[in-house]
Amino acid sequence: MSLGDALIDRAGAWRYSEGHGTIPQEKEHTMAKTLRCGDLMPGCPTVIEGKDEQEVLKKAAEHAARDHGLAEIPPEVAQKVQAAIRDK
């Protein structure tokens, strides 16, 4: 499982269906999303944008690994990341 998938899983944006792997949850209305990393990591100027929450979570995991050295995302951090995502 990639780091992005782990963050998505821990944040609850994906659910598992027995025998079917991961399945994105259905959403009625998808709106572009944004995450300001500095809201979670003071001093970080990175702003992550995506077409939906799942894309932002994946990009956030990549950013966390590359720029903050977080090889794994603890569940409490994943929850904070998910809560910090806003509509664009």
C-alpha atoms as a PDB file:
ATOM      1  CA  MET A   1       0.000   0.000   0.000  1.00  0.00           C
ATOM      2  CA  SER A   2       1.416   3.382  -0.967  1.00  0.00           C
ATOM      3  CA  LEU A   3       1.742   6.241   1.509  1.00  0.00           C
ATOM      4  CA  GLY A   4      -1.068   8.086  -0.288  1.00  0.00           C
ATOM      5  CA  ASP A   5      -3.332   5.061  -0.045  1.00  0.00           C
ATOM      6  CA  ALA A   6      -2.493   4.707   3.649  1.00  0.00           C
ATOM      7  CA  LEU A   7      -3.450   8.317   4.328  1.00  0.00           C
ATOM      8  CA  ILE A   8      -6.652   7.951   2.352  1.00  0.00           C
ATOM      9  CA  ASP A   9      -7.477   4.764   4.254  1.00  0.00           C
ATOM     10  CA  ARG A  10      -6.666   6.250   7.672  1.00  0.00           C
ATOM     11  CA  ALA A  11      -8.648   9.390   6.938  1.00  0.00           C
ATOM     12  CA  GLY A  12     -11.687   7.279   6.134  1.00  0.00           C
ATOM     13  CA  ALA A  13     -12.035   8.434   2.544  1.00  0.00           C
ATOM     14  CA  TRP A  14     -11.851   4.830   1.313  1.00  0.00           C
ATOM     15  CA  ARG A  15     -13.597   1.772   2.590  1.00  0.00           C
ATOM     16  CA  TYR A  16     -12.883  -1.877   2.021  1.00  0.00           C
ATOM     17  CA  SER A  17     -15.292  -4.299   0.454  1.00  0.00           C
ATOM     18  CA  GLU A  18     -14.553  -7.937   1.137  1.00  0.00           C
ATOM     19  CA  GLY A  19     -13.082  -9.544  -1.950  1.00  0.00           C
ATOM     20  CA  HIS A  20     -13.156  -6.327  -3.971  1.00  0.00           C
ATOM     21  CA  GLY A  21     -10.154  -4.291  -2.737  1.00  0.00           C
ATOM     22  CA  THR A  22     -10.609  -0.593  -2.119  1.00  0.00           C
ATOM     23  CA  ILE A  23     -13.647   1.248  -3.342  1.00  0.00           C
ATOM     24  CA  PRO A  24     -14.000   5.033  -3.283  1.00  0.00           C
ATOM     25  CA  GLN A  25     -17.018   6.155  -1.316  1.00  0.00           C
ATOM     26  CA  GLU A  26     -19.733   7.656  -3.428  1.00  0.00           C
ATOM     27  CA  LYS A  27     -20.360  11.360  -3.013  1.00  0.00           C
ATOM     28  CA  GLU A  28     -23.333  13.213  -4.401  1.00  0.00           C
ATOM     29  CA  HIS A  29     -21.507  16.456  -5.066  1.00  0.00           C
ATOM     30  CA  THR A  30     -17.800  16.800  -5.715  1.00  0.00           C
ATOM     31  CA  MET A  31     -16.198  20.203  -5.214  1.00  0.00           C
ATOM     32  CA  ALA A  32     -12.548  21.151  -5.678  1.00  0.00           C
ATOM     33  CA  LYS A  33     -10.658  21.048  -2.383  1.00  0.00           C
ATOM     34  CA  THR A  34      -7.616  22.725  -0.879  1.00  0.00           C
ATOM     35  CA  LEU A  35      -5.294  22.123   2.063  1.00  0.00           C
ATOM     36  CA  ARG A  36      -2.862  24.643   3.537  1.00  0.00           C
ATOM     37  CA  CYS A  37      -0.069  22.597   5.050  1.00  0.00           C
ATOM     38  CA  GLY A  38       0.889  25.552   7.251  1.00  0.00           C
ATOM     39  CA  ASP A  39      -2.395  25.059   9.126  1.00  0.00           C
ATOM     40  CA  LEU A  40      -0.923  21.766  10.349  1.00  0.00           C
ATOM     41  CA  MET A  41       2.836  22.372  10.094  1.00  0.00           C
ATOM     42  CA  PRO A  42       3.528  26.008  11.050  1.00  0.00           C
ATOM     43  CA  GLY A  43       5.849  27.694   8.591  1.00  0.00           C
ATOM     44  CA  CYS A  44       5.136  25.385   5.653  1.00  0.00           C
ATOM     45  CA  PRO A  45       3.998  27.475   2.661  1.00  0.00           C
ATOM     46  CA  THR A  46       2.656  24.532   0.634  1.00  0.00           C
ATOM     47  CA  VAL A  47      -0.937  24.703  -0.568  1.00  0.00           C
ATOM     48  CA  ILE A  48      -2.322  21.469  -1.976  1.00  0.00           C
ATOM     49  CA  GLU A  49      -5.254  21.506  -4.365  1.00  0.00           C
ATOM     50  CA  GLY A  50      -7.243  18.704  -5.920  1.00  0.00           C
ATOM     51  CA  LYS A  51     -10.467  17.912  -7.681  1.00  0.00           C
ATOM     52  CA  ASP A  52     -11.764  16.157  -4.568  1.00  0.00           C
ATOM     53  CA  GLU A  53     -10.781  15.186  -1.031  1.00  0.00           C
ATOM     54  CA  GLN A  54      -9.186  11.918  -2.124  1.00  0.00           C
ATOM     55  CA  GLU A  55      -6.829  13.667  -4.542  1.00  0.00           C
ATOM     56  CA  VAL A  56      -5.836  16.202  -1.869  1.00  0.00           C
ATOM     57  CA  LEU A  57      -5.180  13.398   0.634  1.00  0.00           C
ATOM     58  CA  LYS A  58      -2.950  11.566  -1.827  1.00  0.00           C
ATOM     59  CA  LYS A  59      -0.986  14.727  -2.661  1.00  0.00           C
ATOM     60  CA  ALA A  60      -0.740  15.576   1.051  1.00  0.00           C
ATOM     61  CA  ALA A  61       0.771  12.168   1.801  1.00  0.00           C
ATOM     62  CA  GLU A  62       3.331  12.624  -0.971  1.00  0.00           C
ATOM     63  CA  HIS A  63       4.177  16.108   0.339  1.00  0.00           C
ATOM     64  CA  ALA A  64       4.455  14.847   3.928  1.00  0.00           C
ATOM     65  CA  ALA A  65       6.923  12.146   2.891  1.00  0.00           C
ATOM     66  CA  ARG A  66       8.980  14.330   0.566  1.00  0.00           C
ATOM     67  CA  ASP A  67       9.099  17.597   2.505  1.00  0.00           C
ATOM     68  CA  HIS A  68       8.468  16.631   6.132  1.00  0.00           C
ATOM     69  CA  GLY A  69      10.072  13.181   6.288  1.00  0.00           C
ATOM     70  CA  LEU A  70       6.879  11.432   7.386  1.00  0.00           C
ATOM     71  CA  ALA A  71       7.239   7.898   6.034  1.00  0.00           C
ATOM     72  CA  GLU A  72       4.057   6.865   7.837  1.00  0.00           C
ATOM     73  CA  ILE A  73       1.001   8.924   8.684  1.00  0.00           C
ATOM     74  CA  PRO A  74      -0.280   8.300  12.235  1.00  0.00           C
ATOM     75  CA  PRO A  75      -4.090   8.051  12.465  1.00  0.00           C
ATOM     76  CA  GLU A  76      -4.347  11.232  14.578  1.00  0.00           C
ATOM     77  CA  VAL A  77      -2.412  13.189  11.919  1.00  0.00           C
ATOM     78  CA  ALA A  78      -4.603  11.747   9.149  1.00  0.00           C
ATOM     79  CA  GLN A  79      -7.698  12.952  11.014  1.00  0.00           C
ATOM     80  CA  LYS A  80      -6.229  16.454  11.375  1.00  0.00           C
ATOM     81  CA  VAL A  81      -5.333  16.539   7.685  1.00  0.00           C
ATOM     82  CA  GLN A  82      -8.833  15.498   6.692  1.00  0.00           C
ATOM     83  CA  ALA A  83     -10.371  18.114   9.008  1.00  0.00           C
ATOM     84  CA  ALA A  84      -8.146  20.850   7.527  1.00  0.00           C
ATOM     85  CA  ILE A  85      -9.290  20.259   3.933  1.00  0.00           C
ATOM     86  CA  ARG A  86     -11.559  23.053   2.708  1.00  0.00           C
ATOM     87  CA  ASP A  87     -13.689  23.732  -0.351  1.00  0.00           C
ATOM     88  CA  LYS A  88     -11.814  25.734  -2.926  1.00  0.00           C
END
